[in-house]
């Protein structure tokens, strides 16, 4: 278990959330934020752990369920923190832009 999983998931979701909020606020014709977040959320959490389990089955390595679940919990927590911080950052930037316009 490496810290790269947690840090990578955090920054991946942080950047993904910034892009999702930016794209959805560009025009009213775009989808809501959460629609843009579905792909990175799946790729960083469930998809990556599913592929890791498939790799273990194919190579014959041992699968330790408790370790995988603990890692998944840490990854999901880092994803949630990344979404929260990026949303707060984008809301702050949007409010600053509104104040400058007024």
N, C-alpha and C. Protein backbone atom coordinates (compact mmCIF):
# COMPACT_ATOMS: atom_id res chain seq x y z
N UNK A 1 0.85 -1.17 0.00
CA UNK A 1 0.00 0.00 0.00
C UNK A 1 0.90 1.23 0.00
N UNK A 2 0.66 2.10 -0.94
CA UNK A 2 1.49 3.29 -1.06
C UNK A 2 0.64 4.54 -0.88
N UNK A 3 1.31 5.61 -0.51
CA UNK A 3 0.59 6.88 -0.38
C UNK A 3 0.18 7.44 -1.74
N UNK A 4 0.75 6.92 -2.80
CA UNK A 4 0.42 7.38 -4.14
C UNK A 4 -1.04 7.19 -4.50
N UNK A 5 -1.65 6.13 -3.99
CA UNK A 5 -3.07 5.90 -4.28
C UNK A 5 -3.93 7.02 -3.72
N UNK A 6 -3.66 7.40 -2.49
CA UNK A 6 -4.48 8.42 -1.84
C UNK A 6 -4.22 9.80 -2.44
N UNK A 7 -2.96 10.12 -2.62
CA UNK A 7 -2.61 11.44 -3.17
C UNK A 7 -3.08 11.54 -4.62
N UNK A 8 -2.88 10.47 -5.39
CA UNK A 8 -3.32 10.48 -6.78
C UNK A 8 -4.83 10.59 -6.91
N UNK A 9 -5.55 9.88 -6.05
CA UNK A 9 -7.02 9.97 -6.07
C UNK A 9 -7.49 11.35 -5.67
N UNK A 10 -6.83 11.94 -4.67
CA UNK A 10 -7.20 13.29 -4.24
C UNK A 10 -7.00 14.29 -5.36
N UNK A 11 -5.81 14.32 -5.95
CA UNK A 11 -5.54 15.30 -6.99
C UNK A 11 -6.34 15.02 -8.26
N UNK A 12 -6.55 13.75 -8.58
CA UNK A 12 -7.37 13.42 -9.74
C UNK A 12 -8.79 13.94 -9.58
N UNK A 13 -9.37 13.75 -8.41
CA UNK A 13 -10.74 14.22 -8.19
C UNK A 13 -10.78 15.73 -8.02
N UNK A 14 -9.75 16.31 -7.42
CA UNK A 14 -9.67 17.76 -7.27
C UNK A 14 -9.69 18.44 -8.64
N UNK A 15 -8.84 17.97 -9.55
CA UNK A 15 -8.79 18.55 -10.90
C UNK A 15 -10.07 18.22 -11.67
N UNK A 16 -10.57 16.99 -11.52
CA UNK A 16 -11.82 16.61 -12.19
C UNK A 16 -13.00 17.46 -11.74
N UNK A 17 -13.06 17.78 -10.47
CA UNK A 17 -14.15 18.61 -9.96
C UNK A 17 -14.04 20.04 -10.47
N UNK A 18 -12.83 20.57 -10.50
CA UNK A 18 -12.65 21.93 -11.03
C UNK A 18 -13.10 21.99 -12.49
N UNK A 19 -12.72 21.00 -13.27
CA UNK A 19 -13.12 20.98 -14.68
C UNK A 19 -14.64 20.82 -14.80
N UNK A 20 -15.23 19.96 -13.99
CA UNK A 20 -16.69 19.74 -14.05
C UNK A 20 -17.45 21.01 -13.68
N UNK A 21 -17.04 21.69 -12.63
CA UNK A 21 -17.74 22.91 -12.22
C UNK A 21 -17.54 24.00 -13.27
N UNK A 22 -16.33 24.11 -13.79
CA UNK A 22 -16.06 25.12 -14.81
C UNK A 22 -16.88 24.88 -16.07
N UNK A 23 -16.94 23.62 -16.53
CA UNK A 23 -17.70 23.30 -17.74
C UNK A 23 -19.19 23.50 -17.55
N UNK A 24 -19.70 23.13 -16.40
CA UNK A 24 -21.15 23.22 -16.20
C UNK A 24 -21.60 24.66 -15.99
N UNK A 25 -20.70 25.54 -15.54
CA UNK A 25 -21.08 26.93 -15.33
C UNK A 25 -20.82 27.81 -16.54
N UNK A 26 -20.26 27.27 -17.60
CA UNK A 26 -19.99 28.06 -18.80
C UNK A 26 -21.27 28.46 -19.51
N UNK A 27 -22.24 27.58 -19.51
CA UNK A 27 -23.48 27.84 -20.23
C UNK A 27 -24.61 27.06 -19.57
N UNK A 28 -25.82 27.49 -19.81
CA UNK A 28 -26.96 26.77 -19.25
C UNK A 28 -27.28 25.51 -20.04
N UNK A 29 -26.67 25.35 -21.22
CA UNK A 29 -26.93 24.18 -22.05
C UNK A 29 -26.13 22.97 -21.60
N UNK A 30 -25.17 23.16 -20.71
CA UNK A 30 -24.35 22.05 -20.23
C UNK A 30 -25.07 21.28 -19.13
N UNK A 31 -24.63 20.05 -18.95
CA UNK A 31 -25.18 19.19 -17.90
C UNK A 31 -24.75 19.69 -16.52
N UNK A 32 -25.42 19.24 -15.46
CA UNK A 32 -24.99 19.61 -14.11
C UNK A 32 -23.62 19.04 -13.77
N UNK A 33 -23.04 19.57 -12.70
CA UNK A 33 -21.68 19.17 -12.27
C UNK A 33 -21.54 17.67 -12.08
N UNK A 34 -22.51 17.06 -11.42
CA UNK A 34 -22.35 15.66 -11.06
C UNK A 34 -22.30 14.74 -12.28
N UNK A 35 -22.84 15.16 -13.40
CA UNK A 35 -22.76 14.34 -14.61
C UNK A 35 -21.32 14.25 -15.11
N UNK A 36 -20.56 15.34 -14.96
CA UNK A 36 -19.17 15.34 -15.38
C UNK A 36 -18.29 14.60 -14.38
N UNK A 37 -18.76 14.40 -13.16
CA UNK A 37 -17.97 13.75 -12.13
C UNK A 37 -18.11 12.23 -12.11
N UNK A 38 -19.08 11.69 -12.82
CA UNK A 38 -19.31 10.25 -12.77
C UNK A 38 -18.13 9.44 -13.31
N UNK A 39 -17.56 9.87 -14.43
CA UNK A 39 -16.46 9.10 -15.02
C UNK A 39 -15.21 9.10 -14.14
N UNK A 40 -14.71 10.26 -13.68
CA UNK A 40 -13.51 10.18 -12.82
C UNK A 40 -13.79 9.48 -11.49
N UNK A 41 -15.00 9.62 -10.96
CA UNK A 41 -15.32 8.95 -9.70
C UNK A 41 -15.26 7.44 -9.86
N UNK A 42 -15.83 6.93 -10.94
CA UNK A 42 -15.79 5.49 -11.16
C UNK A 42 -14.36 5.02 -11.43
N UNK A 43 -13.64 5.78 -12.24
CA UNK A 43 -12.28 5.37 -12.61
C UNK A 43 -11.35 5.36 -11.40
N UNK A 44 -11.53 6.30 -10.48
CA UNK A 44 -10.64 6.40 -9.33
C UNK A 44 -11.01 5.48 -8.18
N UNK A 45 -12.26 5.05 -8.10
CA UNK A 45 -12.65 4.24 -6.94
C UNK A 45 -12.98 2.81 -7.34
N UNK A 46 -14.18 2.57 -7.77
CA UNK A 46 -14.63 1.21 -8.03
C UNK A 46 -13.92 0.56 -9.20
N UNK A 47 -13.71 1.31 -10.25
CA UNK A 47 -13.06 0.74 -11.43
C UNK A 47 -11.64 0.30 -11.16
N UNK A 48 -10.90 1.11 -10.43
CA UNK A 48 -9.50 0.76 -10.17
C UNK A 48 -9.40 -0.47 -9.26
N UNK A 49 -10.28 -0.58 -8.29
CA UNK A 49 -10.23 -1.75 -7.40
C UNK A 49 -10.74 -3.00 -8.10
N UNK A 50 -11.68 -2.85 -9.00
CA UNK A 50 -12.14 -4.00 -9.78
C UNK A 50 -11.04 -4.52 -10.69
N UNK A 51 -10.31 -3.61 -11.31
CA UNK A 51 -9.21 -4.03 -12.17
C UNK A 51 -8.07 -4.66 -11.37
N UNK A 52 -7.83 -4.15 -10.17
CA UNK A 52 -6.79 -4.73 -9.31
C UNK A 52 -7.16 -6.16 -8.92
N UNK A 53 -8.42 -6.39 -8.61
CA UNK A 53 -8.87 -7.73 -8.24
C UNK A 53 -8.78 -8.67 -9.44
N UNK A 54 -9.16 -8.18 -10.62
CA UNK A 54 -9.05 -8.99 -11.83
C UNK A 54 -7.59 -9.35 -12.11
N UNK A 55 -6.71 -8.40 -11.91
CA UNK A 55 -5.27 -8.66 -12.11
C UNK A 55 -4.78 -9.73 -11.13
N UNK A 56 -5.23 -9.67 -9.88
CA UNK A 56 -4.83 -10.69 -8.89
C UNK A 56 -5.34 -12.06 -9.29
N UNK A 57 -6.56 -12.14 -9.79
CA UNK A 57 -7.09 -13.43 -10.22
C UNK A 57 -6.31 -13.99 -11.40
N UNK A 58 -5.98 -13.14 -12.36
CA UNK A 58 -5.29 -13.60 -13.56
C UNK A 58 -3.86 -14.03 -13.27
N UNK A 59 -3.19 -13.32 -12.37
CA UNK A 59 -1.79 -13.63 -12.08
C UNK A 59 -1.64 -14.69 -10.99
N UNK A 60 -2.70 -15.01 -10.29
CA UNK A 60 -2.63 -16.02 -9.24
C UNK A 60 -2.14 -15.48 -7.91
N UNK A 61 -2.04 -14.17 -7.77
CA UNK A 61 -1.64 -13.57 -6.49
C UNK A 61 -2.77 -13.68 -5.48
N UNK A 62 -2.42 -13.58 -4.22
CA UNK A 62 -3.43 -13.63 -3.16
C UNK A 62 -4.23 -12.33 -3.14
N UNK A 63 -5.50 -12.49 -2.85
CA UNK A 63 -6.38 -11.34 -2.69
C UNK A 63 -6.67 -11.21 -1.21
N UNK A 64 -6.32 -10.10 -0.64
CA UNK A 64 -6.61 -9.88 0.78
C UNK A 64 -7.74 -8.87 0.87
N UNK A 65 -8.92 -9.38 1.15
CA UNK A 65 -10.11 -8.55 1.12
C UNK A 65 -10.11 -7.41 2.12
N UNK A 66 -9.59 -7.63 3.32
CA UNK A 66 -9.60 -6.59 4.33
C UNK A 66 -8.68 -5.44 3.92
N UNK A 67 -7.54 -5.76 3.37
CA UNK A 67 -6.61 -4.73 2.92
C UNK A 67 -7.22 -3.94 1.76
N UNK A 68 -7.85 -4.64 0.84
CA UNK A 68 -8.46 -3.96 -0.30
C UNK A 68 -9.59 -3.05 0.18
N UNK A 69 -10.39 -3.51 1.13
CA UNK A 69 -11.48 -2.67 1.64
C UNK A 69 -10.94 -1.46 2.40
N UNK A 70 -9.86 -1.65 3.15
CA UNK A 70 -9.26 -0.52 3.87
C UNK A 70 -8.70 0.49 2.89
N UNK A 71 -8.06 0.02 1.84
CA UNK A 71 -7.53 0.92 0.82
C UNK A 71 -8.67 1.63 0.11
N UNK A 72 -9.74 0.91 -0.21
CA UNK A 72 -10.89 1.53 -0.85
C UNK A 72 -11.48 2.62 0.03
N UNK A 73 -11.57 2.38 1.33
CA UNK A 73 -12.07 3.41 2.24
C UNK A 73 -11.19 4.65 2.22
N UNK A 74 -9.88 4.46 2.22
CA UNK A 74 -8.97 5.60 2.16
C UNK A 74 -9.07 6.36 0.85
N UNK A 75 -9.21 5.62 -0.24
CA UNK A 75 -9.35 6.26 -1.56
C UNK A 75 -10.65 7.04 -1.63
N UNK A 76 -11.74 6.44 -1.15
CA UNK A 76 -13.03 7.16 -1.17
C UNK A 76 -12.99 8.41 -0.30
N UNK A 77 -12.30 8.33 0.83
CA UNK A 77 -12.16 9.51 1.69
C UNK A 77 -11.35 10.60 0.98
N UNK A 78 -10.26 10.24 0.32
CA UNK A 78 -9.47 11.24 -0.38
C UNK A 78 -10.23 11.83 -1.56
N UNK A 79 -11.07 11.02 -2.21
CA UNK A 79 -11.92 11.53 -3.29
C UNK A 79 -12.93 12.53 -2.74
N UNK A 80 -13.55 12.20 -1.61
CA UNK A 80 -14.53 13.11 -1.01
C UNK A 80 -13.89 14.43 -0.60
N UNK A 81 -12.70 14.37 -0.03
CA UNK A 81 -11.99 15.60 0.36
C UNK A 81 -11.63 16.41 -0.88
N UNK A 82 -11.20 15.74 -1.94
CA UNK A 82 -10.87 16.44 -3.18
C UNK A 82 -12.07 17.14 -3.78
N UNK A 83 -13.23 16.47 -3.79
CA UNK A 83 -14.46 17.10 -4.30
C UNK A 83 -14.83 18.29 -3.44
N UNK A 84 -14.77 18.14 -2.13
CA UNK A 84 -15.15 19.22 -1.22
C UNK A 84 -14.26 20.45 -1.40
N UNK A 85 -12.95 20.23 -1.38
CA UNK A 85 -12.03 21.37 -1.49
C UNK A 85 -12.11 22.06 -2.85
N UNK A 86 -12.24 21.27 -3.92
CA UNK A 86 -12.36 21.87 -5.25
C UNK A 86 -13.66 22.65 -5.40
N UNK A 87 -14.74 22.15 -4.84
CA UNK A 87 -16.02 22.86 -4.90
C UNK A 87 -15.94 24.16 -4.12
N UNK A 88 -15.32 24.13 -2.95
CA UNK A 88 -15.17 25.36 -2.17
C UNK A 88 -14.30 26.37 -2.91
N UNK A 89 -13.23 25.90 -3.54
CA UNK A 89 -12.36 26.78 -4.31
C UNK A 89 -13.12 27.42 -5.48
N UNK A 90 -13.86 26.61 -6.22
CA UNK A 90 -14.59 27.14 -7.37
C UNK A 90 -15.71 28.09 -6.95
N UNK A 91 -16.39 27.79 -5.84
CA UNK A 91 -17.41 28.71 -5.34
C UNK A 91 -16.80 30.04 -4.94
N UNK A 92 -15.62 30.01 -4.32
CA UNK A 92 -14.94 31.24 -3.95
C UNK A 92 -14.54 32.05 -5.17
N UNK A 93 -14.05 31.37 -6.21
CA UNK A 93 -13.67 32.07 -7.44
C UNK A 93 -14.89 32.67 -8.12
N UNK A 94 -15.98 31.93 -8.15
CA UNK A 94 -17.22 32.43 -8.77
C UNK A 94 -17.75 33.65 -8.03
N UNK A 95 -17.69 33.61 -6.68
CA UNK A 95 -18.15 34.76 -5.90
C UNK A 95 -17.28 35.97 -6.12
N UNK A 96 -15.95 35.78 -6.26
CA UNK A 96 -15.07 36.89 -6.55
C UNK A 96 -15.36 37.51 -7.91
N UNK A 97 -15.66 36.67 -8.90
CA UNK A 97 -16.01 37.19 -10.22
C UNK A 97 -17.31 37.99 -10.18
N UNK A 98 -18.28 37.50 -9.42
CA UNK A 98 -19.56 38.23 -9.30
C UNK A 98 -19.37 39.57 -8.61
N UNK A 99 -18.49 39.62 -7.60
CA UNK A 99 -18.24 40.88 -6.91
C UNK A 99 -17.52 41.87 -7.81
N UNK A 100 -16.62 41.41 -8.65
CA UNK A 100 -15.91 42.30 -9.57
C UNK A 100 -16.84 42.87 -10.62
N UNK A 101 -17.80 42.07 -11.07
CA UNK A 101 -18.76 42.53 -12.08
C UNK A 101 -19.69 43.58 -11.51
N UNK A 102 -20.11 43.41 -10.26
CA UNK A 102 -21.07 44.34 -9.64
C UNK A 102 -20.46 45.67 -9.31
